[in-house]
Amino acid sequence: MTEEYPPQGPDTSPAFVGLVLAVIALFVILFSIVMLTNHHYEQKEAAATTQHAP
């Protein structure tokens, strides 16, 4: 099987570049979701504290 698929082929480098870019893209997407969610709940918490203040 190693004769058909050598470990270092012509597409190994682009495959790793694609893998790294996919990981970076997922990190950016997840980081954005976390930041937006935190911002949303900070606003809700601030609004709730101002409504209940005497």
PDB file of N, CA and C in Angstrom:
ATOM      1  N   MET A   1       0.818  -1.181   0.000  1.00  0.00           N
ATOM      2  CA  MET A   1       0.000   0.000   0.000  1.00  0.00           C
ATOM      3  C   MET A   1       0.872   1.259   0.000  1.00  0.00           C
ATOM      4  N   THR A   2       2.037   1.212   0.581  1.00  0.00           N
ATOM      5  CA  THR A   2       2.900   2.390   0.576  1.00  0.00           C
ATOM      6  C   THR A   2       3.457   2.676  -0.809  1.00  0.00           C
ATOM      7  N   GLU A   3       3.433   1.683  -1.676  1.00  0.00           N
ATOM      8  CA  GLU A   3       3.912   1.907  -3.026  1.00  0.00           C
ATOM      9  C   GLU A   3       2.933   2.778  -3.807  1.00  0.00           C
ATOM     10  N   GLU A   4       1.635   2.643  -3.521  1.00  0.00           N
ATOM     11  CA  GLU A   4       0.640   3.435  -4.221  1.00  0.00           C
ATOM     12  C   GLU A   4       0.545   4.848  -3.652  1.00  0.00           C
ATOM     13  N   TYR A   5       0.697   4.990  -2.358  1.00  0.00           N
ATOM     14  CA  TYR A   5       0.546   6.284  -1.688  1.00  0.00           C
ATOM     15  C   TYR A   5       1.808   6.622  -0.918  1.00  0.00           C
ATOM     16  N   PRO A   6       2.749   7.282  -1.545  1.00  0.00           N
ATOM     17  CA  PRO A   6       3.980   7.628  -0.830  1.00  0.00           C
ATOM     18  C   PRO A   6       3.693   8.667   0.253  1.00  0.00           C
ATOM     19  N   PRO A   7       4.459   8.657   1.349  1.00  0.00           N
ATOM     20  CA  PRO A   7       4.198   9.593   2.443  1.00  0.00           C
ATOM     21  C   PRO A   7       4.451  11.055   2.062  1.00  0.00           C
ATOM     22  N   GLN A   8       5.310  11.299   1.124  1.00  0.00           N
ATOM     23  CA  GLN A   8       5.601  12.661   0.676  1.00  0.00           C
ATOM     24  C   GLN A   8       5.251  12.780  -0.801  1.00  0.00           C
ATOM     25  N   GLY A   9       4.025  13.144  -1.071  1.00  0.00           N
ATOM     26  CA  GLY A   9       3.589  13.297  -2.447  1.00  0.00           C
ATOM     27  C   GLY A   9       3.559  14.760  -2.833  1.00  0.00           C
ATOM     28  N   PRO A  10       3.160  15.052  -4.054  1.00  0.00           N
ATOM     29  CA  PRO A  10       3.134  16.435  -4.514  1.00  0.00           C
ATOM     30  C   PRO A  10       2.038  17.265  -3.842  1.00  0.00           C
ATOM     31  N   ASP A  11       1.051  16.613  -3.225  1.00  0.00           N
ATOM     32  CA  ASP A  11      -0.036  17.356  -2.600  1.00  0.00           C
ATOM     33  C   ASP A  11       0.057  17.396  -1.077  1.00  0.00           C
ATOM     34  N   THR A  12       1.172  16.967  -0.499  1.00  0.00           N
ATOM     35  CA  THR A  12       1.312  16.966   0.954  1.00  0.00           C
ATOM     36  C   THR A  12       1.366  18.388   1.504  1.00  0.00           C
ATOM     37  N   SER A  13       2.121  19.243   0.885  1.00  0.00           N
ATOM     38  CA  SER A  13       2.238  20.623   1.360  1.00  0.00           C
ATOM     39  C   SER A  13       0.913  21.376   1.278  1.00  0.00           C
ATOM     40  N   PRO A  14       0.199  21.342   0.154  1.00  0.00           N
ATOM     41  CA  PRO A  14      -1.106  22.016   0.121  1.00  0.00           C
ATOM     42  C   PRO A  14      -2.103  21.425   1.113  1.00  0.00           C
ATOM     43  N   ALA A  15      -1.985  20.141   1.393  1.00  0.00           N
ATOM     44  CA  ALA A  15      -2.889  19.517   2.362  1.00  0.00           C
ATOM     45  C   ALA A  15      -2.649  20.087   3.755  1.00  0.00           C
ATOM     46  N   PHE A  16      -1.398  20.257   4.131  1.00  0.00           N
ATOM     47  CA  PHE A  16      -1.098  20.826   5.440  1.00  0.00           C
ATOM     48  C   PHE A  16      -1.480  22.300   5.505  1.00  0.00           C
ATOM     49  N   VAL A  17      -1.305  23.024   4.418  1.00  0.00           N
ATOM     50  CA  VAL A  17      -1.719  24.422   4.384  1.00  0.00           C
ATOM     51  C   VAL A  17      -3.232  24.518   4.568  1.00  0.00           C
ATOM     52  N   GLY A  18      -3.972  23.663   3.897  1.00  0.00           N
ATOM     53  CA  GLY A  18      -5.416  23.638   4.052  1.00  0.00           C
ATOM     54  C   GLY A  18      -5.836  23.275   5.468  1.00  0.00           C
ATOM     55  N   LEU A  19      -5.129  22.341   6.074  1.00  0.00           N
ATOM     56  CA  LEU A  19      -5.419  21.944   7.444  1.00  0.00           C
ATOM     57  C   LEU A  19      -5.192  23.107   8.405  1.00  0.00           C
ATOM     58  N   VAL A  20      -4.079  23.803   8.258  1.00  0.00           N
ATOM     59  CA  VAL A  20      -3.770  24.936   9.125  1.00  0.00           C
ATOM     60  C   VAL A  20      -4.782  26.060   8.922  1.00  0.00           C
ATOM     61  N   LEU A  21      -5.138  26.347   7.686  1.00  0.00           N
ATOM     62  CA  LEU A  21      -6.123  27.397   7.423  1.00  0.00           C
ATOM     63  C   LEU A  21      -7.497  27.034   7.981  1.00  0.00           C
ATOM     64  N   ALA A  22      -7.862  25.778   7.910  1.00  0.00           N
ATOM     65  CA  ALA A  22      -9.143  25.339   8.463  1.00  0.00           C
ATOM     66  C   ALA A  22      -9.161  25.488   9.981  1.00  0.00           C
ATOM     67  N   VAL A  23      -8.060  25.152  10.632  1.00  0.00           N
ATOM     68  CA  VAL A  23      -7.975  25.307  12.082  1.00  0.00           C
ATOM     69  C   VAL A  23      -8.066  26.780  12.468  1.00  0.00           C
ATOM     70  N   ILE A  24      -7.383  27.639  11.731  1.00  0.00           N
ATOM     71  CA  ILE A  24      -7.441  29.074  12.012  1.00  0.00           C
ATOM     72  C   ILE A  24      -8.856  29.597  11.799  1.00  0.00           C
ATOM     73  N   ALA A  25      -9.500  29.179  10.733  1.00  0.00           N
ATOM     74  CA  ALA A  25     -10.870  29.630  10.453  1.00  0.00           C
ATOM     75  C   ALA A  25     -11.825  29.177  11.555  1.00  0.00           C
ATOM     76  N   LEU A  26     -11.708  27.945  12.000  1.00  0.00           N
ATOM     77  CA  LEU A  26     -12.565  27.460  13.083  1.00  0.00           C
ATOM     78  C   LEU A  26     -12.316  28.237  14.372  1.00  0.00           C
ATOM     79  N   PHE A  27     -11.062  28.538  14.660  1.00  0.00           N
ATOM     80  CA  PHE A  27     -10.740  29.314  15.857  1.00  0.00           C
ATOM     81  C   PHE A  27     -11.369  30.701  15.787  1.00  0.00           C
ATOM     82  N   VAL A  28     -11.273  31.350  14.646  1.00  0.00           N
ATOM     83  CA  VAL A  28     -11.850  32.685  14.491  1.00  0.00           C
ATOM     84  C   VAL A  28     -13.369  32.636  14.644  1.00  0.00           C
ATOM     85  N   ILE A  29     -13.996  31.645  14.052  1.00  0.00           N
ATOM     86  CA  ILE A  29     -15.453  31.522  14.153  1.00  0.00           C
ATOM     87  C   ILE A  29     -15.879  31.278  15.603  1.00  0.00           C
ATOM     88  N   LEU A  30     -15.230  30.345  16.268  1.00  0.00           N
ATOM     89  CA  LEU A  30     -15.583  30.055  17.659  1.00  0.00           C
ATOM     90  C   LEU A  30     -15.300  31.233  18.573  1.00  0.00           C
ATOM     91  N   PHE A  31     -14.185  31.907  18.375  1.00  0.00           N
ATOM     92  CA  PHE A  31     -13.839  33.079  19.181  1.00  0.00           C
ATOM     93  C   PHE A  31     -14.881  34.175  18.983  1.00  0.00           C
ATOM     94  N   SER A  32     -15.331  34.375  17.758  1.00  0.00           N
ATOM     95  CA  SER A  32     -16.353  35.388  17.477  1.00  0.00           C
ATOM     96  C   SER A  32     -17.668  35.043  18.171  1.00  0.00           C
ATOM     97  N   ILE A  33     -18.052  33.780  18.134  1.00  0.00           N
ATOM     98  CA  ILE A  33     -19.290  33.361  18.791  1.00  0.00           C
ATOM     99  C   ILE A  33     -19.210  33.609  20.296  1.00  0.00           C
ATOM    100  N   VAL A  34     -18.084  33.274  20.897  1.00  0.00           N
ATOM    101  CA  VAL A  34     -17.918  33.477  22.338  1.00  0.00           C
ATOM    102  C   VAL A  34     -17.961  34.961  22.679  1.00  0.00           C
ATOM    103  N   MET A  35     -17.286  35.780  21.898  1.00  0.00           N
ATOM    104  CA  MET A  35     -17.275  37.217  22.176  1.00  0.00           C
ATOM    105  C   MET A  35     -18.667  37.821  22.009  1.00  0.00           C
ATOM    106  N   LEU A  36     -19.390  37.448  20.973  1.00  0.00           N
ATOM    107  CA  LEU A  36     -20.741  37.963  20.772  1.00  0.00           C
ATOM    108  C   LEU A  36     -21.684  37.507  21.886  1.00  0.00           C
ATOM    109  N   THR A  37     -21.556  36.272  22.315  1.00  0.00           N
ATOM    110  CA  THR A  37     -22.405  35.767  23.389  1.00  0.00           C
ATOM    111  C   THR A  37     -22.109  36.489  24.695  1.00  0.00           C
ATOM    112  N   ASN A  38     -20.834  36.679  25.012  1.00  0.00           N
ATOM    113  CA  ASN A  38     -20.473  37.405  26.230  1.00  0.00           C
ATOM    114  C   ASN A  38     -21.002  38.829  26.195  1.00  0.00           C
ATOM    115  N   HIS A  39     -20.878  39.485  25.079  1.00  0.00           N
ATOM    116  CA  HIS A  39     -21.363  40.855  24.942  1.00  0.00           C
ATOM    117  C   HIS A  39     -22.883  40.907  25.130  1.00  0.00           C
ATOM    118  N   HIS A  40     -23.581  39.944  24.562  1.00  0.00           N
ATOM    119  CA  HIS A  40     -25.034  39.894  24.674  1.00  0.00           C
ATOM    120  C   HIS A  40     -25.463  39.768  26.137  1.00  0.00           C
ATOM    121  N   TYR A  41     -24.853  38.851  26.876  1.00  0.00           N
ATOM    122  CA  TYR A  41     -25.253  38.634  28.258  1.00  0.00           C
ATOM    123  C   TYR A  41     -24.766  39.751  29.180  1.00  0.00           C
ATOM    124  N   GLU A  42     -23.664  40.421  28.847  1.00  0.00           N
ATOM    125  CA  GLU A  42     -23.241  41.591  29.624  1.00  0.00           C
ATOM    126  C   GLU A  42     -24.282  42.695  29.506  1.00  0.00           C
ATOM    127  N   GLN A  43     -24.819  42.895  28.314  1.00  0.00           N
ATOM    128  CA  GLN A  43     -25.850  43.909  28.126  1.00  0.00           C
ATOM    129  C   GLN A  43     -27.126  43.532  28.874  1.00  0.00           C
ATOM    130  N   LYS A  44     -27.500  42.255  28.834  1.00  0.00           N
ATOM    131  CA  LYS A  44     -28.693  41.814  29.551  1.00  0.00           C
ATOM    132  C   LYS A  44     -28.518  42.000  31.052  1.00  0.00           C
ATOM    133  N   GLU A  45     -27.348  41.671  31.560  1.00  0.00           N
ATOM    134  CA  GLU A  45     -27.085  41.803  32.994  1.00  0.00           C
ATOM    135  C   GLU A  45     -27.083  43.267  33.419  1.00  0.00           C
ATOM    136  N   ALA A  46     -26.520  44.136  32.608  1.00  0.00           N
ATOM    137  CA  ALA A  46     -26.492  45.554  32.922  1.00  0.00           C
ATOM    138  C   ALA A  46     -27.910  46.126  32.912  1.00  0.00           C
ATOM    139  N   ALA A  47     -28.726  45.694  31.976  1.00  0.00           N
ATOM    140  CA  ALA A  47     -30.106  46.181  31.906  1.00  0.00           C
ATOM    141  C   ALA A  47     -30.910  45.674  33.108  1.00  0.00           C
ATOM    142  N   ALA A  48     -30.651  44.463  33.536  1.00  0.00           N
ATOM    143  CA  ALA A  48     -31.383  43.897  34.667  1.00  0.00           C
ATOM    144  C   ALA A  48     -31.007  44.602  35.959  1.00  0.00           C
ATOM    145  N   THR A  49     -29.751  44.973  36.124  1.00  0.00           N
ATOM    146  CA  THR A  49     -29.340  45.655  37.347  1.00  0.00           C
ATOM    147  C   THR A  49     -29.856  47.079  37.398  1.00  0.00           C
ATOM    148  N   THR A  50     -29.996  47.750  36.268  1.00  0.00           N
ATOM    149  CA  THR A  50     -30.516  49.109  36.292  1.00  0.00           C
ATOM    150  C   THR A  50     -32.017  49.128  36.530  1.00  0.00           C
ATOM    151  N   GLN A  51     -32.730  48.097  36.134  1.00  0.00           N
ATOM    152  CA  GLN A  51     -34.167  48.034  36.357  1.00  0.00           C
ATOM    153  C   GLN A  51     -34.505  47.743  37.812  1.00  0.00           C
ATOM    154  N   HIS A  52     -33.665  46.962  38.497  1.00  0.00           N
ATOM    155  CA  HIS A  52     -33.933  46.570  39.882  1.00  0.00           C
ATOM    156  C   HIS A  52     -33.297  47.516  40.887  1.00  0.00           C
ATOM    157  N   ALA A  53     -32.620  48.521  40.445  1.00  0.00           N
ATOM    158  CA  ALA A  53     -31.995  49.465  41.376  1.00  0.00           C
ATOM    159  C   ALA A  53     -33.067  50.360  41.991  1.00  0.00           C
ATOM    160  N   PRO A  54     -32.970  50.645  43.290  1.00  0.00           N
ATOM    161  CA  PRO A  54     -33.986  51.484  43.940  1.00  0.00           C
ATOM    162  C   PRO A  54     -33.899  52.946  43.554  1.00  0.00           C
TER     163      PRO A  54
END
